[in-house]
Amino acid sequence: MKKRTILSPVLWSSLAFITGAAIASYVASREIAFLKANPQIVVPEVSPQFPLIYFFSSVAVIGVVLFLIPVSKLKWVFRILFVLLYAWGIFVVLALFLPSLILVAILAAAGGLVWFFAPRVWLHNLLMLVALAGVASVFGILVTPWPMMGLLSVVSIYDFLAVRFGYMMWMAKRLSQSDSLPAFVIPKTQSNWNQNLRARGFQNLMGGEAAEREYSILGGGDIGFPLMLMVSVLAVYGFASSMIVAAFSLVGLIGAYVIQWLFLKGKPMPALPPIALMSLIGLLIVHFILK
């Protein structure tokens, strides 16, 4: 019998969020300090419509592609895209730690290639977290907090509707047939942390009853979007305020698991709605009470 992990999916998800928040905060703080030291560099303020258009366009394109083309014929495309995403995330984070950009580029490429040839569950989750933290640290400072909150709210509505009408599960099942799932894969047993994503049986990741599945899935957006809001708050209100918003976002993430356990009995639960609600409460406190 496989040994159960001590930490449940909610604790692993919380750990992922906390770690991502720490990485994104540090990287964004260095970026903000650099921009303040170089006032001649003007950072463009991006309208939230552009991220929304990009997000929904990507969702639509991926849906059409998955519907028309068998996943078996798309595996190489997905693998290359994930290698690029992971390498970019590593580059963004390490560029602020190491003095040589050449060394950073080598390490970034190596990280992406290691995943390409040996996509272990733990490595997939680690690189996904680094990539999301990199995305948040870069794009979070381009959108001010309230527009970013609006972006998070709109995406949370999509998340609810996509789960409610089965689109999210259909897409997840299709993508789980490849080894390039844009989500955190949380094993229920210790031995599965070192499982290869291309191993037999992983393609049926979303199959069967929830209680019988070997893995729990947390969408990358459930971590990425609140991290972007946190960085946005960091850039405008400061570190302490960003930590308050991040703490409320974390409560929302935990609340999603509580709702799933108590009311949905393991059925799919859209995590972004409670995350967005709690993030909004945190942002209101920061803006009207602590400002």
C-alpha atoms as a PDB file:
ATOM      1  CA  MET A   1       0.000   0.000   0.000  1.00  0.00           C
ATOM      2  CA  LYS A   2       1.333   3.397  -0.933  1.00  0.00           C
ATOM      3  CA  LYS A   3       2.188   5.711   1.923  1.00  0.00           C
ATOM      4  CA  ARG A   4      -0.113   8.704   2.135  1.00  0.00           C
ATOM      5  CA  THR A   5       1.439  12.136   2.246  1.00  0.00           C
ATOM      6  CA  ILE A   6       1.080  13.991   5.525  1.00  0.00           C
ATOM      7  CA  LEU A   7       0.097  17.211   3.816  1.00  0.00           C
ATOM      8  CA  SER A   8      -3.278  17.299   2.106  1.00  0.00           C
ATOM      9  CA  PRO A   9      -3.880  19.049  -1.239  1.00  0.00           C
ATOM     10  CA  VAL A  10      -5.015  22.216   0.524  1.00  0.00           C
ATOM     11  CA  LEU A  11      -1.725  22.466   2.403  1.00  0.00           C
ATOM     12  CA  TRP A  12       0.340  21.784  -0.698  1.00  0.00           C
ATOM     13  CA  SER A  13      -1.695  24.383  -2.614  1.00  0.00           C
ATOM     14  CA  SER A  14      -1.230  26.878   0.224  1.00  0.00           C
ATOM     15  CA  LEU A  15       2.493  26.187   0.256  1.00  0.00           C
ATOM     16  CA  ALA A  16       2.638  26.750  -3.501  1.00  0.00           C
ATOM     17  CA  PHE A  17       0.819  30.071  -3.168  1.00  0.00           C
ATOM     18  CA  ILE A  18       3.006  31.261  -0.277  1.00  0.00           C
ATOM     19  CA  THR A  19       6.180  30.282  -2.113  1.00  0.00           C
ATOM     20  CA  GLY A  20       4.974  31.936  -5.311  1.00  0.00           C
ATOM     21  CA  ALA A  21       4.081  35.079  -3.367  1.00  0.00           C
ATOM     22  CA  ALA A  22       7.552  35.180  -1.824  1.00  0.00           C
ATOM     23  CA  ILE A  23       9.279  34.776  -5.189  1.00  0.00           C
ATOM     24  CA  ALA A  24       7.033  37.257  -7.006  1.00  0.00           C
ATOM     25  CA  SER A  25       7.339  39.827  -4.188  1.00  0.00           C
ATOM     26  CA  TYR A  26      11.110  39.646  -4.160  1.00  0.00           C
ATOM     27  CA  VAL A  27      11.478  39.842  -7.930  1.00  0.00           C
ATOM     28  CA  ALA A  28       8.916  42.645  -8.232  1.00  0.00           C
ATOM     29  CA  SER A  29      10.558  44.586  -5.379  1.00  0.00           C
ATOM     30  CA  ARG A  30      13.880  44.455  -7.197  1.00  0.00           C
ATOM     31  CA  GLU A  31      12.201  45.592 -10.399  1.00  0.00           C
ATOM     32  CA  ILE A  32      10.460  48.476  -8.640  1.00  0.00           C
ATOM     33  CA  ALA A  33      13.711  49.547  -6.959  1.00  0.00           C
ATOM     34  CA  PHE A  34      15.466  49.488 -10.327  1.00  0.00           C
ATOM     35  CA  LEU A  35      12.752  51.622 -11.907  1.00  0.00           C
ATOM     36  CA  LYS A  36      12.914  54.150  -9.067  1.00  0.00           C
ATOM     37  CA  ALA A  37      16.683  54.354  -9.452  1.00  0.00           C
ATOM     38  CA  ASN A  38      16.259  54.956 -13.183  1.00  0.00           C
ATOM     39  CA  PRO A  39      13.390  57.461 -13.518  1.00  0.00           C
ATOM     40  CA  GLN A  40      14.147  57.927 -17.199  1.00  0.00           C
ATOM     41  CA  ILE A  41      12.640  54.482 -17.781  1.00  0.00           C
ATOM     42  CA  VAL A  42       8.903  54.896 -18.131  1.00  0.00           C
ATOM     43  CA  VAL A  43       6.782  51.804 -17.484  1.00  0.00           C
ATOM     44  CA  PRO A  44       3.654  51.834 -19.644  1.00  0.00           C
ATOM     45  CA  GLU A  45       0.364  51.425 -17.818  1.00  0.00           C
ATOM     46  CA  VAL A  46      -1.476  48.592 -19.486  1.00  0.00           C
ATOM     47  CA  SER A  47      -5.250  48.656 -19.734  1.00  0.00           C
ATOM     48  CA  PRO A  48      -6.891  45.501 -18.284  1.00  0.00           C
ATOM     49  CA  GLN A  49      -8.739  45.027 -21.566  1.00  0.00           C
ATOM     50  CA  PHE A  50      -5.561  43.754 -23.203  1.00  0.00           C
ATOM     51  CA  PRO A  51      -4.938  40.919 -20.697  1.00  0.00           C
ATOM     52  CA  LEU A  52      -8.629  40.039 -20.896  1.00  0.00           C
ATOM     53  CA  ILE A  53      -8.582  39.903 -24.678  1.00  0.00           C
ATOM     54  CA  TYR A  54      -5.401  37.822 -24.599  1.00  0.00           C
ATOM     55  CA  PHE A  55      -6.814  35.440 -21.976  1.00  0.00           C
ATOM     56  CA  PHE A  56     -10.159  34.796 -23.641  1.00  0.00           C
ATOM     57  CA  SER A  57      -8.587  34.601 -27.091  1.00  0.00           C
ATOM     58  CA  SER A  58      -6.161  31.965 -25.794  1.00  0.00           C
ATOM     59  CA  VAL A  59      -8.991  30.005 -24.165  1.00  0.00           C
ATOM     60  CA  ALA A  60     -11.038  30.102 -27.371  1.00  0.00           C
ATOM     61  CA  VAL A  61      -8.128  29.131 -29.610  1.00  0.00           C
ATOM     62  CA  ILE A  62      -7.071  26.258 -27.342  1.00  0.00           C
ATOM     63  CA  GLY A  63     -10.661  25.017 -27.165  1.00  0.00           C
ATOM     64  CA  VAL A  64     -11.074  25.042 -30.944  1.00  0.00           C
ATOM     65  CA  VAL A  65      -7.707  23.375 -31.482  1.00  0.00           C
ATOM     66  CA  LEU A  66      -8.444  20.640 -28.920  1.00  0.00           C
ATOM     67  CA  PHE A  67     -11.829  20.040 -30.512  1.00  0.00           C
ATOM     68  CA  LEU A  68     -10.529  19.780 -34.075  1.00  0.00           C
ATOM     69  CA  ILE A  69      -7.130  18.146 -33.636  1.00  0.00           C
ATOM     70  CA  PRO A  70      -6.340  14.992 -31.620  1.00  0.00           C
ATOM     71  CA  VAL A  71      -4.142  15.658 -28.599  1.00  0.00           C
ATOM     72  CA  SER A  72      -1.696  13.031 -29.827  1.00  0.00           C
ATOM     73  CA  LYS A  73      -0.846  15.288 -32.754  1.00  0.00           C
ATOM     74  CA  LEU A  74      -0.390  18.348 -30.532  1.00  0.00           C
ATOM     75  CA  LYS A  75       1.950  16.923 -27.898  1.00  0.00           C
ATOM     76  CA  TRP A  76       5.118  18.314 -29.476  1.00  0.00           C
ATOM     77  CA  VAL A  77       3.582  21.765 -29.848  1.00  0.00           C
ATOM     78  CA  PHE A  78       2.524  21.819 -26.189  1.00  0.00           C
ATOM     79  CA  ARG A  79       5.899  20.530 -25.051  1.00  0.00           C
ATOM     80  CA  ILE A  80       7.789  23.243 -26.908  1.00  0.00           C
ATOM     81  CA  LEU A  81       5.461  25.948 -25.557  1.00  0.00           C
ATOM     82  CA  PHE A  82       5.974  24.713 -22.007  1.00  0.00           C
ATOM     83  CA  VAL A  83       9.750  24.566 -22.447  1.00  0.00           C
ATOM     84  CA  LEU A  84       9.695  28.199 -23.563  1.00  0.00           C
ATOM     85  CA  LEU A  85       7.395  29.206 -20.692  1.00  0.00           C
ATOM     86  CA  TYR A  86       9.508  27.465 -18.062  1.00  0.00           C
ATOM     87  CA  ALA A  87      12.782  28.765 -19.479  1.00  0.00           C
ATOM     88  CA  TRP A  88      11.383  32.305 -19.549  1.00  0.00           C
ATOM     89  CA  GLY A  89      10.218  32.049 -15.927  1.00  0.00           C
ATOM     90  CA  ILE A  90      13.606  30.792 -14.762  1.00  0.00           C
ATOM     91  CA  PHE A  91      15.341  33.584 -16.690  1.00  0.00           C
ATOM     92  CA  VAL A  92      13.150  36.328 -15.151  1.00  0.00           C
ATOM     93  CA  VAL A  93      13.726  35.088 -11.606  1.00  0.00           C
ATOM     94  CA  LEU A  94      17.439  34.260 -11.830  1.00  0.00           C
ATOM     95  CA  ALA A  95      18.355  37.416 -13.752  1.00  0.00           C
ATOM     96  CA  LEU A  96      18.044  39.345 -10.488  1.00  0.00           C
ATOM     97  CA  PHE A  97      20.228  36.916  -8.540  1.00  0.00           C
ATOM     98  CA  LEU A  98      23.105  36.134 -10.886  1.00  0.00           C
ATOM     99  CA  PRO A  99      25.424  38.728 -12.454  1.00  0.00           C
ATOM    100  CA  SER A 100      25.916  36.937 -15.781  1.00  0.00           C
ATOM    101  CA  LEU A 101      22.962  36.906 -18.173  1.00  0.00           C
ATOM    102  CA  ILE A 102      24.744  34.251 -20.216  1.00  0.00           C
ATOM    103  CA  LEU A 103      24.814  31.961 -17.179  1.00  0.00           C
ATOM    104  CA  VAL A 104      21.159  32.763 -16.503  1.00  0.00           C
ATOM    105  CA  ALA A 105      20.231  31.917 -20.089  1.00  0.00           C
ATOM    106  CA  ILE A 106      22.096  28.607 -19.858  1.00  0.00           C
ATOM    107  CA  LEU A 107      20.363  27.670 -16.603  1.00  0.00           C
ATOM    108  CA  ALA A 108      16.968  28.711 -17.996  1.00  0.00           C
ATOM    109  CA  ALA A 109      17.435  26.617 -21.120  1.00  0.00           C
ATOM    110  CA  ALA A 110      18.695  23.694 -19.022  1.00  0.00           C
ATOM    111  CA  GLY A 111      15.647  23.838 -16.764  1.00  0.00           C
ATOM    112  CA  GLY A 112      13.264  23.795 -19.703  1.00  0.00           C
ATOM    113  CA  LEU A 113      15.127  20.945 -21.400  1.00  0.00           C
ATOM    114  CA  VAL A 114      15.273  18.834 -18.238  1.00  0.00           C
ATOM    115  CA  TRP A 115      11.479  19.061 -18.033  1.00  0.00           C
ATOM    116  CA  PHE A 116      11.244  18.237 -21.756  1.00  0.00           C
ATOM    117  CA  PHE A 117      13.160  14.969 -21.356  1.00  0.00           C
ATOM    118  CA  ALA A 118      12.134  14.049 -17.790  1.00  0.00           C
ATOM    119  CA  PRO A 119       8.840  15.734 -16.812  1.00  0.00           C
ATOM    120  CA  ARG A 120       8.573  14.580 -13.213  1.00  0.00           C
ATOM    121  CA  VAL A 121       5.585  15.752 -11.195  1.00  0.00           C
ATOM    122  CA  TRP A 122       7.693  17.667  -8.662  1.00  0.00           C
ATOM    123  CA  LEU A 123       9.711  19.348 -11.422  1.00  0.00           C
ATOM    124  CA  HIS A 124       6.566  20.266 -13.352  1.00  0.00           C
ATOM    125  CA  ASN A 125       5.065  21.895 -10.251  1.00  0.00           C
ATOM    126  CA  LEU A 126       8.282  23.713  -9.365  1.00  0.00           C
ATOM    127  CA  LEU A 127       8.788  25.130 -12.851  1.00  0.00           C
ATOM    128  CA  MET A 128       5.099  26.035 -13.118  1.00  0.00           C
ATOM    129  CA  LEU A 129       5.392  27.977  -9.862  1.00  0.00           C
ATOM    130  CA  VAL A 130       8.540  29.812 -10.983  1.00  0.00           C
ATOM    131  CA  ALA A 131       6.933  30.659 -14.332  1.00  0.00           C
ATOM    132  CA  LEU A 132       3.766  32.034 -12.694  1.00  0.00           C
ATOM    133  CA  ALA A 133       5.817  34.057 -10.214  1.00  0.00           C
ATOM    134  CA  GLY A 134       7.816  35.456 -13.119  1.00  0.00           C
ATOM    135  CA  VAL A 135       4.668  36.358 -15.045  1.00  0.00           C
ATOM    136  CA  ALA A 136       3.167  38.034 -11.963  1.00  0.00           C
ATOM    137  CA  SER A 137       6.318  40.001 -11.178  1.00  0.00           C
ATOM    138  CA  VAL A 138       6.555  41.369 -14.711  1.00  0.00           C
ATOM    139  CA  PHE A 139       2.938  42.010 -15.654  1.00  0.00           C
ATOM    140  CA  GLY A 140       1.615  42.811 -12.173  1.00  0.00           C
ATOM    141  CA  ILE A 141       3.416  46.166 -12.120  1.00  0.00           C
ATOM    142  CA  LEU A 142       1.948  47.123 -15.507  1.00  0.00           C
ATOM    143  CA  VAL A 143      -1.682  47.186 -14.291  1.00  0.00           C
ATOM    144  CA  THR A 144      -2.861  49.214 -11.287  1.00  0.00           C
ATOM    145  CA  PRO A 145      -4.685  47.393  -8.458  1.00  0.00           C
ATOM    146  CA  TRP A 146      -8.335  48.215  -9.188  1.00  0.00           C
ATOM    147  CA  PRO A 147      -8.198  47.369 -12.907  1.00  0.00           C
ATOM    148  CA  MET A 148      -6.302  44.221 -11.911  1.00  0.00           C
ATOM    149  CA  MET A 149      -9.062  43.425  -9.420  1.00  0.00           C
ATOM    150  CA  GLY A 150     -11.562  43.875 -12.235  1.00  0.00           C
ATOM    151  CA  LEU A 151      -9.543  41.484 -14.385  1.00  0.00           C
ATOM    152  CA  LEU A 152      -9.508  38.901 -11.594  1.00  0.00           C
ATOM    153  CA  SER A 153     -13.270  39.301 -11.105  1.00  0.00           C
ATOM    154  CA  VAL A 154     -14.080  38.794 -14.782  1.00  0.00           C
ATOM    155  CA  VAL A 155     -11.850  35.734 -15.028  1.00  0.00           C
ATOM    156  CA  SER A 156     -13.442  34.327 -11.857  1.00  0.00           C
ATOM    157  CA  ILE A 157     -16.879  34.625 -13.486  1.00  0.00           C
ATOM    158  CA  TYR A 158     -15.533  32.735 -16.500  1.00  0.00           C
ATOM    159  CA  ASP A 159     -14.060  30.142 -14.139  1.00  0.00           C
ATOM    160  CA  PHE A 160     -17.454  29.601 -12.499  1.00  0.00           C
ATOM    161  CA  LEU A 161     -19.312  29.316 -15.809  1.00  0.00           C
ATOM    162  CA  ALA A 162     -16.642  27.084 -17.395  1.00  0.00           C
ATOM    163  CA  VAL A 163     -16.854  24.639 -14.485  1.00  0.00           C
ATOM    164  CA  ARG A 164     -20.642  24.890 -14.231  1.00  0.00           C
ATOM    165  CA  PHE A 165     -21.208  23.983 -17.878  1.00  0.00           C
ATOM    166  CA  GLY A 166     -18.395  21.430 -18.103  1.00  0.00           C
ATOM    167  CA  TYR A 167     -16.072  23.320 -20.448  1.00  0.00           C
ATOM    168  CA  MET A 168     -13.245  23.452 -17.913  1.00  0.00           C
ATOM    169  CA  MET A 169     -13.426  19.725 -17.187  1.00  0.00           C
ATOM    170  CA  TRP A 170     -13.586  18.900 -20.896  1.00  0.00           C
ATOM    171  CA  MET A 171     -10.493  20.975 -21.557  1.00  0.00           C
ATOM    172  CA  ALA A 172      -8.675  19.538 -18.529  1.00  0.00           C
ATOM    173  CA  LYS A 173      -9.444  15.976 -19.617  1.00  0.00           C
ATOM    174  CA  ARG A 174      -8.160  16.696 -23.107  1.00  0.00           C
ATOM    175  CA  LEU A 175      -4.987  18.349 -21.855  1.00  0.00           C
ATOM    176  CA  SER A 176      -4.396  15.603 -19.273  1.00  0.00           C
ATOM    177  CA  GLN A 177      -3.935  13.239 -22.201  1.00  0.00           C
ATOM    178  CA  SER A 178      -0.693  15.076 -22.874  1.00  0.00           C
ATOM    179  CA  ASP A 179       2.147  15.779 -20.463  1.00  0.00           C
ATOM    180  CA  SER A 180       1.668  19.546 -20.721  1.00  0.00           C
ATOM    181  CA  LEU A 181      -1.081  20.385 -18.281  1.00  0.00           C
ATOM    182  CA  PRO A 182      -1.188  24.107 -17.278  1.00  0.00           C
ATOM    183  CA  ALA A 183      -1.947  23.221 -13.680  1.00  0.00           C
ATOM    184  CA  PHE A 184      -0.353  21.988 -10.494  1.00  0.00           C
ATOM    185  CA  VAL A 185      -0.513  18.222 -10.133  1.00  0.00           C
ATOM    186  CA  ILE A 186      -0.687  17.309  -6.437  1.00  0.00           C
ATOM    187  CA  PRO A 187      -0.194  13.591  -5.689  1.00  0.00           C
ATOM    188  CA  LYS A 188      -2.054  11.866  -2.891  1.00  0.00           C
ATOM    189  CA  THR A 189       0.909   9.566  -2.198  1.00  0.00           C
ATOM    190  CA  GLN A 190       4.580  10.345  -1.652  1.00  0.00           C
ATOM    191  CA  SER A 191       5.817   7.990  -4.353  1.00  0.00           C
ATOM    192  CA  ASN A 192       3.865   9.779  -7.063  1.00  0.00           C
ATOM    193  CA  TRP A 193       5.816  13.016  -6.621  1.00  0.00           C
ATOM    194  CA  ASN A 194       8.538  11.476  -8.735  1.00  0.00           C
ATOM    195  CA  GLN A 195       6.116  10.082 -11.312  1.00  0.00           C
ATOM    196  CA  ASN A 196       6.868  10.834 -14.944  1.00  0.00           C
ATOM    197  CA  LEU A 197       4.047  12.783 -16.582  1.00  0.00           C
ATOM    198  CA  ARG A 198       4.374  10.533 -19.617  1.00  0.00           C
ATOM    199  CA  ALA A 199       3.937   7.356 -17.595  1.00  0.00           C
ATOM    200  CA  ARG A 200       1.091   5.040 -18.449  1.00  0.00           C
ATOM    201  CA  GLY A 201      -2.045   5.980 -16.543  1.00  0.00           C
ATOM    202  CA  PHE A 202      -1.277   9.681 -16.264  1.00  0.00           C
ATOM    203  CA  GLN A 203      -3.317  10.303 -19.406  1.00  0.00           C
ATOM    204  CA  ASN A 204      -6.393   9.295 -17.378  1.00  0.00           C
ATOM    205  CA  LEU A 205      -5.612  11.896 -14.742  1.00  0.00           C
ATOM    206  CA  MET A 206      -9.140  13.320 -14.700  1.00  0.00           C
ATOM    207  CA  GLY A 207     -10.935  10.006 -15.076  1.00  0.00           C
ATOM    208  CA  GLY A 208     -12.882   8.100 -12.427  1.00  0.00           C
ATOM    209  CA  GLU A 209     -14.413   9.288  -9.178  1.00  0.00           C
ATOM    210  CA  ALA A 210     -12.701  12.102  -7.272  1.00  0.00           C
ATOM    211  CA  ALA A 211     -11.979   9.898  -4.247  1.00  0.00           C
ATOM    212  CA  GLU A 212     -10.274   7.303  -6.455  1.00  0.00           C
ATOM    213  CA  ARG A 213      -7.958   9.665  -8.301  1.00  0.00           C
ATOM    214  CA  GLU A 214      -4.253   9.565  -7.527  1.00  0.00           C
ATOM    215  CA  TYR A 215      -3.846  13.306  -8.040  1.00  0.00           C
ATOM    216  CA  SER A 216      -5.517  16.588  -7.182  1.00  0.00           C
ATOM    217  CA  ILE A 217      -5.414  19.374  -9.774  1.00  0.00           C
ATOM    218  CA  LEU A 218      -5.067  23.102  -9.113  1.00  0.00           C
ATOM    219  CA  GLY A 219      -5.259  25.376 -12.142  1.00  0.00           C
ATOM    220  CA  GLY A 220      -2.289  27.622 -12.786  1.00  0.00           C
ATOM    221  CA  GLY A 221      -4.580  30.642 -12.963  1.00  0.00           C
ATOM    222  CA  ASP A 222      -5.733  30.008  -9.385  1.00  0.00           C
ATOM    223  CA  ILE A 223      -2.204  30.928  -8.324  1.00  0.00           C
ATOM    224  CA  GLY A 224      -1.140  33.250 -11.144  1.00  0.00           C
ATOM    225  CA  PHE A 225      -3.978  35.795 -11.110  1.00  0.00           C
ATOM    226  CA  PRO A 226      -3.937  36.529  -7.351  1.00  0.00           C
ATOM    227  CA  LEU A 227      -0.140  36.822  -7.538  1.00  0.00           C
ATOM    228  CA  MET A 228      -0.526  39.447 -10.252  1.00  0.00           C
ATOM    229  CA  LEU A 229      -2.937  41.371  -8.022  1.00  0.00           C
ATOM    230  CA  MET A 230      -0.523  41.119  -5.114  1.00  0.00           C
ATOM    231  CA  VAL A 231       2.330  42.543  -7.216  1.00  0.00           C
ATOM    232  CA  SER A 232       0.056  45.313  -8.482  1.00  0.00           C
ATOM    233  CA  VAL A 233      -0.755  46.263  -4.888  1.00  0.00           C
ATOM    234  CA  LEU A 234       2.931  46.070  -4.004  1.00  0.00           C
ATOM    235  CA  ALA A 235       3.798  48.581  -6.714  1.00  0.00           C
ATOM    236  CA  VAL A 236       1.148  51.110  -5.580  1.00  0.00           C
ATOM    237  CA  TYR A 237       0.546  50.603  -1.851  1.00  0.00           C
ATOM    238  CA  GLY A 238       3.732  48.936  -0.641  1.00  0.00           C
ATOM    239  CA  PHE A 239       4.866  45.608   0.738  1.00  0.00           C
ATOM    240  CA  ALA A 240       2.687  45.413   3.867  1.00  0.00           C
ATOM    241  CA  SER A 241      -0.485  46.110   1.892  1.00  0.00           C
ATOM    242  CA  SER A 242       0.426  43.507  -0.718  1.00  0.00           C
ATOM    243  CA  MET A 243       0.883  40.904   2.022  1.00  0.00           C
ATOM    244  CA  ILE A 244      -2.595  41.702   3.381  1.00  0.00           C
ATOM    245  CA  VAL A 245      -4.152  41.184  -0.044  1.00  0.00           C
ATOM    246  CA  ALA A 246      -2.107  38.008  -0.516  1.00  0.00           C
ATOM    247  CA  ALA A 247      -3.290  36.699   2.868  1.00  0.00           C
ATOM    248  CA  PHE A 248      -6.933  37.264   1.916  1.00  0.00           C
ATOM    249  CA  SER A 249      -6.316  35.565  -1.445  1.00  0.00           C
ATOM    250  CA  LEU A 250      -4.870  32.583   0.406  1.00  0.00           C
ATOM    251  CA  VAL A 251      -7.977  32.438   2.618  1.00  0.00           C
ATOM    252  CA  GLY A 252     -10.065  32.375  -0.557  1.00  0.00           C
ATOM    253  CA  LEU A 253      -7.977  29.498  -1.947  1.00  0.00           C
ATOM    254  CA  ILE A 254      -8.420  27.503   1.247  1.00  0.00           C
ATOM    255  CA  GLY A 255     -12.115  28.385   1.229  1.00  0.00           C
ATOM    256  CA  ALA A 256     -12.465  26.838  -2.223  1.00  0.00           C
ATOM    257  CA  TYR A 257     -11.243  23.510  -0.831  1.00  0.00           C
ATOM    258  CA  VAL A 258     -13.561  23.805   2.171  1.00  0.00           C
ATOM    259  CA  ILE A 259     -16.556  24.415  -0.088  1.00  0.00           C
ATOM    260  CA  GLN A 260     -15.541  21.483  -2.281  1.00  0.00           C
ATOM    261  CA  TRP A 261     -15.232  19.132   0.683  1.00  0.00           C
ATOM    262  CA  LEU A 262     -18.332  20.208   2.604  1.00  0.00           C
ATOM    263  CA  PHE A 263     -20.834  20.929  -0.151  1.00  0.00           C
ATOM    264  CA  LEU A 264     -19.612  19.468  -3.458  1.00  0.00           C
ATOM    265  CA  LYS A 265     -18.282  16.184  -2.056  1.00  0.00           C
ATOM    266  CA  GLY A 266     -15.184  16.250  -4.229  1.00  0.00           C
ATOM    267  CA  LYS A 267     -16.852  17.489  -7.426  1.00  0.00           C
ATOM    268  CA  PRO A 268     -15.022  20.147  -9.484  1.00  0.00           C
ATOM    269  CA  MET A 269     -14.885  23.503  -7.709  1.00  0.00           C
ATOM    270  CA  PRO A 270     -13.961  26.797  -9.408  1.00  0.00           C
ATOM    271  CA  ALA A 271     -11.342  28.264  -7.096  1.00  0.00           C
ATOM    272  CA  LEU A 272     -11.136  31.779  -8.514  1.00  0.00           C
ATOM    273  CA  PRO A 273     -14.569  33.050  -7.322  1.00  0.00           C
ATOM    274  CA  PRO A 274     -13.779  32.693  -3.579  1.00  0.00           C
ATOM    275  CA  ILE A 275     -10.220  33.874  -4.235  1.00  0.00           C
ATOM    276  CA  ALA A 276     -11.522  36.971  -6.038  1.00  0.00           C
ATOM    277  CA  LEU A 277     -14.073  37.688  -3.290  1.00  0.00           C
ATOM    278  CA  MET A 278     -11.524  37.494  -0.492  1.00  0.00           C
ATOM    279  CA  SER A 279      -8.965  39.438  -2.548  1.00  0.00           C
ATOM    280  CA  LEU A 280     -11.538  42.198  -3.007  1.00  0.00           C
ATOM    281  CA  ILE A 281     -12.094  42.357   0.754  1.00  0.00           C
ATOM    282  CA  GLY A 282      -8.353  42.630   1.284  1.00  0.00           C
ATOM    283  CA  LEU A 283      -8.020  45.348  -1.336  1.00  0.00           C
ATOM    284  CA  LEU A 284     -10.918  47.319   0.183  1.00  0.00           C
ATOM    285  CA  ILE A 285      -9.220  47.172   3.588  1.00  0.00           C
ATOM    286  CA  VAL A 286      -5.937  48.353   2.086  1.00  0.00           C
ATOM    287  CA  HIS A 287      -7.521  51.170   0.086  1.00  0.00           C
ATOM    288  CA  PHE A 288     -10.015  52.574   2.584  1.00  0.00           C
ATOM    289  CA  ILE A 289      -8.552  51.715   5.977  1.00  0.00           C
ATOM    290  CA  LEU A 290      -4.775  51.436   5.635  1.00  0.00           C
ATOM    291  CA  LYS A 291      -4.203  53.895   2.808  1.00  0.00           C
END
